[in-house]
Amino acid sequence: MKSLDYNWITEGILDSEYKKYVLLDYLQHCRQSFEARKLYPPMSELIGHLDAAIKLRSGLSEMDGQFPRRVVGFDLQTGQVLREQAQPDYESLGTVAEIIGFAIPEMSEALEEGKLVYHYAENQIEIQPVGLVPMHVQDGYLMLYNEPCADVFIYQYSSSVLTTSLENFRTLRVQYLGSQVRSLANTFESIKQELLRRFREWPNPATYLCLSHVPLPLEETFLPISKRLLMKNLASATLPGL
């Protein structure tokens, strides 16, 4: 996936046509990823670039009164130093403003396309517990299964809550353990029982299954969305039984 430097607007050649070309080339790669249902990292990058452009646009309007003032003389009657505000490079600022004015709607449009793919993929994924749900659900196993395929991808997860003075944040870490082939004999419950035998330090872990009804790229889409769904369910702890 092609990336775009975080300071792409102001770094390098400050030419509006060149910057527009750089942006459109990057957005084309983003859209190609979205068409292939690959959401990450382009979607999170786009959110960051759009936020940075909006902040830069806001900052431009506040710059006029913030330029340094240079000493130009001395008033003998008042004893005050006379200063003159340095003139900004209005041509460069105008170029930056033009680039931002072009970039924000273009990035917003591409991001909306990514959101449509995200919502479509999210609606295709079901999350449910495998077996009984223990009282402690903050640590356990996560299985990912794309219904048209036979492979079950298995992860160990650990969730925690970070408390700040403003709000609480839930974090989720996952570690890939391997994959197994699902069959009539090797069910999700059978896979869970094997995990219990392999990792005896966890006698009764929570185990969840994310099942997708359509093929989704594992690392770029299926896993990130499944992690978000798992975090939501861990926060509410109201999953129905399997």
C-alpha atoms as a PDB file:
ATOM      1  CA  MET A   1       0.000   0.000   0.000  1.00  0.00           C
ATOM      2  CA  LYS A   2       1.375   3.388  -1.017  1.00  0.00           C
ATOM      3  CA  SER A   3       1.675   5.853   1.869  1.00  0.00           C
ATOM      4  CA  LEU A   4       1.574   9.642   2.054  1.00  0.00           C
ATOM      5  CA  ASP A   5       3.956  11.601   4.259  1.00  0.00           C
ATOM      6  CA  TYR A   6       2.188  13.222   7.187  1.00  0.00           C
ATOM      7  CA  ASN A   7       3.608  16.667   6.258  1.00  0.00           C
ATOM      8  CA  TRP A   8       3.022  16.226   2.537  1.00  0.00           C
ATOM      9  CA  ILE A   9       1.342  19.640   2.138  1.00  0.00           C
ATOM     10  CA  THR A  10       4.224  21.758   3.411  1.00  0.00           C
ATOM     11  CA  GLU A  11       7.294  19.627   2.731  1.00  0.00           C
ATOM     12  CA  GLY A  12       9.194  19.494  -0.551  1.00  0.00           C
ATOM     13  CA  ILE A  13       8.113  21.394  -3.647  1.00  0.00           C
ATOM     14  CA  LEU A  14       5.391  23.910  -2.773  1.00  0.00           C
ATOM     15  CA  ASP A  15       3.505  23.791  -6.047  1.00  0.00           C
ATOM     16  CA  SER A  16      -0.260  23.385  -6.048  1.00  0.00           C
ATOM     17  CA  GLU A  17      -0.475  21.317  -9.236  1.00  0.00           C
ATOM     18  CA  TYR A  18       2.283  18.984  -8.086  1.00  0.00           C
ATOM     19  CA  LYS A  19       0.680  18.553  -4.652  1.00  0.00           C
ATOM     20  CA  LYS A  20      -2.683  17.803  -6.249  1.00  0.00           C
ATOM     21  CA  TYR A  21      -1.049  15.116  -8.370  1.00  0.00           C
ATOM     22  CA  VAL A  22       0.618  13.582  -5.300  1.00  0.00           C
ATOM     23  CA  LEU A  23      -2.684  13.528  -3.420  1.00  0.00           C
ATOM     24  CA  LEU A  24      -4.751  12.098  -6.284  1.00  0.00           C
ATOM     25  CA  ASP A  25      -2.155   9.379  -6.847  1.00  0.00           C
ATOM     26  CA  TYR A  26      -2.340   8.434  -3.166  1.00  0.00           C
ATOM     27  CA  LEU A  27      -6.155   8.488  -3.128  1.00  0.00           C
ATOM     28  CA  GLN A  28      -6.222   6.226  -6.180  1.00  0.00           C
ATOM     29  CA  HIS A  29      -4.243   3.630  -4.216  1.00  0.00           C
ATOM     30  CA  CYS A  30      -6.639   4.053  -1.281  1.00  0.00           C
ATOM     31  CA  ARG A  31      -9.648   3.470  -3.511  1.00  0.00           C
ATOM     32  CA  GLN A  32      -8.021   0.406  -5.066  1.00  0.00           C
ATOM     33  CA  SER A  33      -7.529  -0.983  -1.572  1.00  0.00           C
ATOM     34  CA  PHE A  34     -11.153  -0.263  -0.666  1.00  0.00           C
ATOM     35  CA  GLU A  35     -12.349  -1.978  -3.841  1.00  0.00           C
ATOM     36  CA  ALA A  36     -10.377  -5.048  -2.730  1.00  0.00           C
ATOM     37  CA  ARG A  37     -12.030  -4.728   0.729  1.00  0.00           C
ATOM     38  CA  LYS A  38      -8.677  -3.854   2.293  1.00  0.00           C
ATOM     39  CA  LEU A  39      -9.464  -1.164   4.832  1.00  0.00           C
ATOM     40  CA  TYR A  40      -6.308  -0.873   6.911  1.00  0.00           C
ATOM     41  CA  PRO A  41      -3.979   0.948   6.930  1.00  0.00           C
ATOM     42  CA  PRO A  42      -5.407   3.317   4.245  1.00  0.00           C
ATOM     43  CA  MET A  43      -8.580   4.152   6.193  1.00  0.00           C
ATOM     44  CA  SER A  44      -6.809   5.100   9.420  1.00  0.00           C
ATOM     45  CA  GLU A  45      -4.181   7.028   7.421  1.00  0.00           C
ATOM     46  CA  LEU A  46      -6.891   8.980   5.597  1.00  0.00           C
ATOM     47  CA  ILE A  47      -8.536   9.929   8.882  1.00  0.00           C
ATOM     48  CA  GLY A  48      -5.183  11.236  10.136  1.00  0.00           C
ATOM     49  CA  HIS A  49      -4.451  13.187   6.941  1.00  0.00           C
ATOM     50  CA  LEU A  50      -7.922  14.730   6.870  1.00  0.00           C
ATOM     51  CA  ASP A  51      -7.684  15.771  10.515  1.00  0.00           C
ATOM     52  CA  ALA A  52      -4.238  17.311   9.907  1.00  0.00           C
ATOM     53  CA  ALA A  53      -5.489  19.265   6.870  1.00  0.00           C
ATOM     54  CA  ILE A  54      -8.466  20.637   8.790  1.00  0.00           C
ATOM     55  CA  LYS A  55      -6.212  21.744  11.653  1.00  0.00           C
ATOM     56  CA  LEU A  56      -3.793  23.361   9.206  1.00  0.00           C
ATOM     57  CA  ARG A  57      -6.649  25.246   7.531  1.00  0.00           C
ATOM     58  CA  SER A  58      -7.769  26.502  10.923  1.00  0.00           C
ATOM     59  CA  GLY A  59      -4.222  27.519  11.795  1.00  0.00           C
ATOM     60  CA  LEU A  60      -3.794  29.590   8.627  1.00  0.00           C
ATOM     61  CA  SER A  61      -6.554  31.955   9.691  1.00  0.00           C
ATOM     62  CA  GLU A  62      -4.768  32.644  12.973  1.00  0.00           C
ATOM     63  CA  MET A  63      -1.310  33.280  11.546  1.00  0.00           C
ATOM     64  CA  ASP A  64      -1.542  36.947  10.554  1.00  0.00           C
ATOM     65  CA  GLY A  65      -1.136  38.229  14.094  1.00  0.00           C
ATOM     66  CA  GLN A  66       1.534  35.731  15.059  1.00  0.00           C
ATOM     67  CA  PHE A  67       4.439  36.758  12.844  1.00  0.00           C
ATOM     68  CA  PRO A  68       7.516  38.131  14.643  1.00  0.00           C
ATOM     69  CA  ARG A  69       7.936  41.914  14.991  1.00  0.00           C
ATOM     70  CA  ARG A  70      11.341  43.432  14.196  1.00  0.00           C
ATOM     71  CA  VAL A  71      12.894  46.570  15.733  1.00  0.00           C
ATOM     72  CA  VAL A  72      12.726  49.564  13.353  1.00  0.00           C
ATOM     73  CA  GLY A  73      13.571  52.469  15.665  1.00  0.00           C
ATOM     74  CA  PHE A  74      13.340  54.174  19.038  1.00  0.00           C
ATOM     75  CA  ASP A  75      10.869  56.838  20.198  1.00  0.00           C
ATOM     76  CA  LEU A  76      12.920  59.412  22.190  1.00  0.00           C
ATOM     77  CA  GLN A  77       9.803  61.052  23.617  1.00  0.00           C
ATOM     78  CA  THR A  78       8.174  57.928  25.027  1.00  0.00           C
ATOM     79  CA  GLY A  79      11.250  55.738  25.382  1.00  0.00           C
ATOM     80  CA  GLN A  80       9.517  52.920  23.565  1.00  0.00           C
ATOM     81  CA  VAL A  81      11.103  50.613  21.065  1.00  0.00           C
ATOM     82  CA  LEU A  82       9.357  50.814  17.700  1.00  0.00           C
ATOM     83  CA  ARG A  83       8.618  47.460  16.099  1.00  0.00           C
ATOM     84  CA  GLU A  84       7.187  46.474  12.774  1.00  0.00           C
ATOM     85  CA  GLN A  85       5.454  43.190  12.099  1.00  0.00           C
ATOM     86  CA  ALA A  86       7.344  41.091   9.610  1.00  0.00           C
ATOM     87  CA  GLN A  87       5.359  40.456   6.455  1.00  0.00           C
ATOM     88  CA  PRO A  88       4.464  36.830   5.847  1.00  0.00           C
ATOM     89  CA  ASP A  89       5.061  35.140   2.532  1.00  0.00           C
ATOM     90  CA  TYR A  90       1.520  35.566   1.279  1.00  0.00           C
ATOM     91  CA  GLU A  91       2.248  33.749  -1.969  1.00  0.00           C
ATOM     92  CA  SER A  92       3.323  30.591  -0.123  1.00  0.00           C
ATOM     93  CA  LEU A  93       0.413  30.847   2.285  1.00  0.00           C
ATOM     94  CA  GLY A  94      -1.959  31.213  -0.639  1.00  0.00           C
ATOM     95  CA  THR A  95      -0.515  28.097  -2.255  1.00  0.00           C
ATOM     96  CA  VAL A  96      -0.916  26.139   0.965  1.00  0.00           C
ATOM     97  CA  ALA A  97      -4.506  27.367   1.308  1.00  0.00           C
ATOM     98  CA  GLU A  98      -5.245  26.317  -2.279  1.00  0.00           C
ATOM     99  CA  ILE A  99      -3.823  22.841  -1.665  1.00  0.00           C
ATOM    100  CA  ILE A 100      -5.850  22.460   1.518  1.00  0.00           C
ATOM    101  CA  GLY A 101      -9.016  23.661  -0.201  1.00  0.00           C
ATOM    102  CA  PHE A 102      -8.534  20.974  -2.836  1.00  0.00           C
ATOM    103  CA  ALA A 103      -7.398  18.222  -0.468  1.00  0.00           C
ATOM    104  CA  ILE A 104     -10.118  18.290   2.198  1.00  0.00           C
ATOM    105  CA  PRO A 105     -13.111  17.483  -0.061  1.00  0.00           C
ATOM    106  CA  GLU A 106     -11.083  14.936  -2.051  1.00  0.00           C
ATOM    107  CA  MET A 107      -9.964  13.097   1.086  1.00  0.00           C
ATOM    108  CA  SER A 108     -13.446  13.334   2.600  1.00  0.00           C
ATOM    109  CA  GLU A 109     -14.961  11.715  -0.478  1.00  0.00           C
ATOM    110  CA  ALA A 110     -12.403   8.887  -0.470  1.00  0.00           C
ATOM    111  CA  LEU A 111     -12.932   8.348   3.251  1.00  0.00           C
ATOM    112  CA  GLU A 112     -16.688   8.045   2.766  1.00  0.00           C
ATOM    113  CA  GLU A 113     -16.030   5.290   0.214  1.00  0.00           C
ATOM    114  CA  GLY A 114     -13.914   3.494   2.800  1.00  0.00           C
ATOM    115  CA  LYS A 115     -16.661   3.851   5.409  1.00  0.00           C
ATOM    116  CA  LEU A 116     -19.166   2.232   3.062  1.00  0.00           C
ATOM    117  CA  VAL A 117     -16.863  -0.772   2.691  1.00  0.00           C
ATOM    118  CA  TYR A 118     -16.320  -0.836   6.447  1.00  0.00           C
ATOM    119  CA  HIS A 119     -20.050  -0.878   7.231  1.00  0.00           C
ATOM    120  CA  TYR A 120     -20.643  -3.542   4.601  1.00  0.00           C
ATOM    121  CA  ALA A 121     -17.895  -5.760   6.022  1.00  0.00           C
ATOM    122  CA  GLU A 122     -19.009  -5.175   9.610  1.00  0.00           C
ATOM    123  CA  ASN A 123     -22.563  -6.235   8.745  1.00  0.00           C
ATOM    124  CA  GLN A 124     -21.219  -9.500   7.317  1.00  0.00           C
ATOM    125  CA  ILE A 125     -19.468 -10.494  10.552  1.00  0.00           C
ATOM    126  CA  GLU A 126     -21.222 -12.197  13.445  1.00  0.00           C
ATOM    127  CA  ILE A 127     -19.605 -12.533  16.868  1.00  0.00           C
ATOM    128  CA  GLN A 128     -20.649 -15.196  19.355  1.00  0.00           C
ATOM    129  CA  PRO A 129     -19.142 -17.095  22.269  1.00  0.00           C
ATOM    130  CA  VAL A 130     -17.964 -20.671  21.865  1.00  0.00           C
ATOM    131  CA  GLY A 131     -19.288 -22.731  24.760  1.00  0.00           C
ATOM    132  CA  LEU A 132     -20.094 -21.264  28.158  1.00  0.00           C
ATOM    133  CA  VAL A 133     -19.075 -17.716  28.968  1.00  0.00           C
ATOM    134  CA  PRO A 134     -17.072 -17.462  32.217  1.00  0.00           C
ATOM    135  CA  MET A 135     -17.319 -14.601  34.675  1.00  0.00           C
ATOM    136  CA  HIS A 136     -13.913 -13.277  33.571  1.00  0.00           C
ATOM    137  CA  VAL A 137     -14.009 -12.334  29.887  1.00  0.00           C
ATOM    138  CA  GLN A 138     -11.129  -9.849  29.695  1.00  0.00           C
ATOM    139  CA  ASP A 139      -8.664 -12.566  28.604  1.00  0.00           C
ATOM    140  CA  GLY A 140      -9.320 -15.447  26.257  1.00  0.00           C
ATOM    141  CA  TYR A 141      -9.294 -16.693  22.693  1.00  0.00           C
ATOM    142  CA  LEU A 142     -10.639 -15.230  19.466  1.00  0.00           C
ATOM    143  CA  MET A 143     -11.365 -17.360  16.400  1.00  0.00           C
ATOM    144  CA  LEU A 144     -11.846 -15.901  12.928  1.00  0.00           C
ATOM    145  CA  TYR A 145     -13.638 -17.920  10.304  1.00  0.00           C
ATOM    146  CA  ASN A 146     -14.443 -16.912   6.726  1.00  0.00           C
ATOM    147  CA  GLU A 147     -17.459 -19.060   5.896  1.00  0.00           C
ATOM    148  CA  PRO A 148     -16.447 -19.975   2.312  1.00  0.00           C
ATOM    149  CA  CYS A 149     -13.055 -21.263   3.543  1.00  0.00           C
ATOM    150  CA  ALA A 150     -12.076 -24.058   5.921  1.00  0.00           C
ATOM    151  CA  ASP A 151      -9.317 -22.314   7.871  1.00  0.00           C
ATOM    152  CA  VAL A 152      -9.975 -21.059  11.398  1.00  0.00           C
ATOM    153  CA  PHE A 153      -7.485 -18.409  12.552  1.00  0.00           C
ATOM    154  CA  ILE A 154      -6.858 -18.447  16.284  1.00  0.00           C
ATOM    155  CA  TYR A 155      -5.689 -15.595  18.507  1.00  0.00           C
ATOM    156  CA  GLN A 156      -5.149 -15.076  22.188  1.00  0.00           C
ATOM    157  CA  TYR A 157      -6.526 -11.763  23.415  1.00  0.00           C
ATOM    158  CA  SER A 158      -6.083  -9.639  26.501  1.00  0.00           C
ATOM    159  CA  SER A 159      -8.246  -6.629  27.310  1.00  0.00           C
ATOM    160  CA  SER A 160      -7.793  -3.912  29.907  1.00  0.00           C
ATOM    161  CA  VAL A 161      -9.234  -0.516  30.798  1.00  0.00           C
ATOM    162  CA  LEU A 162      -7.054   2.594  31.085  1.00  0.00           C
ATOM    163  CA  THR A 163      -8.518   5.258  33.336  1.00  0.00           C
ATOM    164  CA  THR A 164      -7.723   8.946  32.856  1.00  0.00           C
ATOM    165  CA  SER A 165      -9.077  12.093  34.468  1.00  0.00           C
ATOM    166  CA  LEU A 166     -11.426  12.567  31.507  1.00  0.00           C
ATOM    167  CA  GLU A 167     -12.621   9.093  30.518  1.00  0.00           C
ATOM    168  CA  ASN A 168     -11.862   5.390  30.380  1.00  0.00           C
ATOM    169  CA  PHE A 169     -10.239   3.695  27.393  1.00  0.00           C
ATOM    170  CA  ARG A 170     -10.478  -0.006  26.646  1.00  0.00           C
ATOM    171  CA  THR A 171      -7.415  -1.597  25.050  1.00  0.00           C
ATOM    172  CA  LEU A 172      -7.156  -4.954  23.312  1.00  0.00           C
ATOM    173  CA  ARG A 173      -4.014  -6.902  22.451  1.00  0.00           C
ATOM    174  CA  VAL A 174      -4.069 -10.044  20.326  1.00  0.00           C
ATOM    175  CA  GLN A 175      -1.414 -12.653  19.630  1.00  0.00           C
ATOM    176  CA  TYR A 176      -1.669 -15.050  16.709  1.00  0.00           C
ATOM    177  CA  LEU A 177      -1.527 -18.697  17.803  1.00  0.00           C
ATOM    178  CA  GLY A 178      -2.043 -20.498  14.507  1.00  0.00           C
ATOM    179  CA  SER A 179      -4.787 -21.918  12.304  1.00  0.00           C
ATOM    180  CA  GLN A 180      -6.774 -25.126  12.019  1.00  0.00           C
ATOM    181  CA  VAL A 181      -9.035 -26.624   9.396  1.00  0.00           C
ATOM    182  CA  ARG A 182     -12.674 -26.796  10.402  1.00  0.00           C
ATOM    183  CA  SER A 183     -14.483 -30.012   9.579  1.00  0.00           C
ATOM    184  CA  LEU A 184     -17.369 -32.118  10.826  1.00  0.00           C
ATOM    185  CA  ALA A 185     -14.999 -33.701  13.318  1.00  0.00           C
ATOM    186  CA  ASN A 186     -13.027 -30.568  14.146  1.00  0.00           C
ATOM    187  CA  THR A 187     -15.695 -28.116  15.264  1.00  0.00           C
ATOM    188  CA  PHE A 188     -15.208 -24.751  16.942  1.00  0.00           C
ATOM    189  CA  GLU A 189     -15.875 -26.429  20.284  1.00  0.00           C
ATOM    190  CA  SER A 190     -13.251 -29.083  19.474  1.00  0.00           C
ATOM    191  CA  ILE A 191     -10.717 -26.369  18.666  1.00  0.00           C
ATOM    192  CA  LYS A 192     -11.486 -24.702  21.988  1.00  0.00           C
ATOM    193  CA  GLN A 193     -10.932 -27.976  23.853  1.00  0.00           C
ATOM    194  CA  GLU A 194      -7.558 -28.381  22.169  1.00  0.00           C
ATOM    195  CA  LEU A 195      -6.619 -24.858  23.272  1.00  0.00           C
ATOM    196  CA  LEU A 196      -7.509 -25.836  26.840  1.00  0.00           C
ATOM    197  CA  ARG A 197      -5.162 -28.796  26.597  1.00  0.00           C
ATOM    198  CA  ARG A 198      -2.336 -26.731  25.106  1.00  0.00           C
ATOM    199  CA  PHE A 199      -2.577 -23.799  27.509  1.00  0.00           C
ATOM    200  CA  ARG A 200      -3.405 -25.293  30.886  1.00  0.00           C
ATOM    201  CA  GLU A 201      -2.663 -22.051  32.719  1.00  0.00           C
ATOM    202  CA  TRP A 202      -6.049 -20.849  31.471  1.00  0.00           C
ATOM    203  CA  PRO A 203      -8.512 -23.473  32.785  1.00  0.00           C
ATOM    204  CA  ASN A 204     -11.723 -21.737  31.665  1.00  0.00           C
ATOM    205  CA  PRO A 205     -10.996 -18.913  29.224  1.00  0.00           C
ATOM    206  CA  ALA A 206     -13.586 -16.910  27.346  1.00  0.00           C
ATOM    207  CA  THR A 207     -13.621 -17.935  23.684  1.00  0.00           C
ATOM    208  CA  TYR A 208     -15.316 -15.965  20.934  1.00  0.00           C
ATOM    209  CA  LEU A 209     -15.905 -16.664  17.274  1.00  0.00           C
ATOM    210  CA  CYS A 210     -16.114 -14.018  14.560  1.00  0.00           C
ATOM    211  CA  LEU A 211     -17.722 -15.516  11.473  1.00  0.00           C
ATOM    212  CA  SER A 212     -17.770 -13.693   8.152  1.00  0.00           C
ATOM    213  CA  HIS A 213     -20.362 -14.578   5.512  1.00  0.00           C
ATOM    214  CA  VAL A 214     -18.208 -13.151   2.697  1.00  0.00           C
ATOM    215  CA  PRO A 215     -14.471 -13.419   1.924  1.00  0.00           C
ATOM    216  CA  LEU A 216     -12.546 -10.639   3.686  1.00  0.00           C
ATOM    217  CA  PRO A 217      -8.782  -9.948   3.714  1.00  0.00           C
ATOM    218  CA  LEU A 218      -7.594 -11.225   7.077  1.00  0.00           C
ATOM    219  CA  GLU A 219      -5.032  -8.650   8.241  1.00  0.00           C
ATOM    220  CA  GLU A 220      -6.429  -5.608   6.448  1.00  0.00           C
ATOM    221  CA  THR A 221     -10.130  -5.998   7.270  1.00  0.00           C
ATOM    222  CA  PHE A 222     -11.367  -9.148   9.027  1.00  0.00           C
ATOM    223  CA  LEU A 223      -9.060  -8.957  12.062  1.00  0.00           C
ATOM    224  CA  PRO A 224      -9.333  -5.169  12.691  1.00  0.00           C
ATOM    225  CA  ILE A 225     -13.143  -5.193  12.510  1.00  0.00           C
ATOM    226  CA  SER A 226     -13.355  -8.346  14.628  1.00  0.00           C
ATOM    227  CA  LYS A 227     -11.210  -6.704  17.301  1.00  0.00           C
ATOM    228  CA  ARG A 228     -13.551  -3.702  17.400  1.00  0.00           C
ATOM    229  CA  LEU A 229     -16.589  -5.979  17.644  1.00  0.00           C
ATOM    230  CA  LEU A 230     -14.952  -7.949  20.437  1.00  0.00           C
ATOM    231  CA  MET A 231     -14.134  -4.768  22.364  1.00  0.00           C
ATOM    232  CA  LYS A 232     -17.753  -3.621  22.099  1.00  0.00           C
ATOM    233  CA  ASN A 233     -18.996  -6.952  23.381  1.00  0.00           C
ATOM    234  CA  LEU A 234     -16.494  -7.121  26.203  1.00  0.00           C
ATOM    235  CA  ALA A 235     -17.565  -3.648  27.261  1.00  0.00           C
ATOM    236  CA  SER A 236     -21.214  -4.630  27.402  1.00  0.00           C
ATOM    237  CA  ALA A 237     -20.641  -8.283  28.435  1.00  0.00           C
ATOM    238  CA  THR A 238     -24.080  -9.185  27.122  1.00  0.00           C
ATOM    239  CA  LEU A 239     -23.239 -11.787  24.468  1.00  0.00           C
ATOM    240  CA  PRO A 240     -25.924 -14.438  23.939  1.00  0.00           C
ATOM    241  CA  GLY A 241     -25.033 -18.098  24.296  1.00  0.00           C
ATOM    242  CA  LEU A 242     -23.898 -20.145  21.343  1.00  0.00           C
END
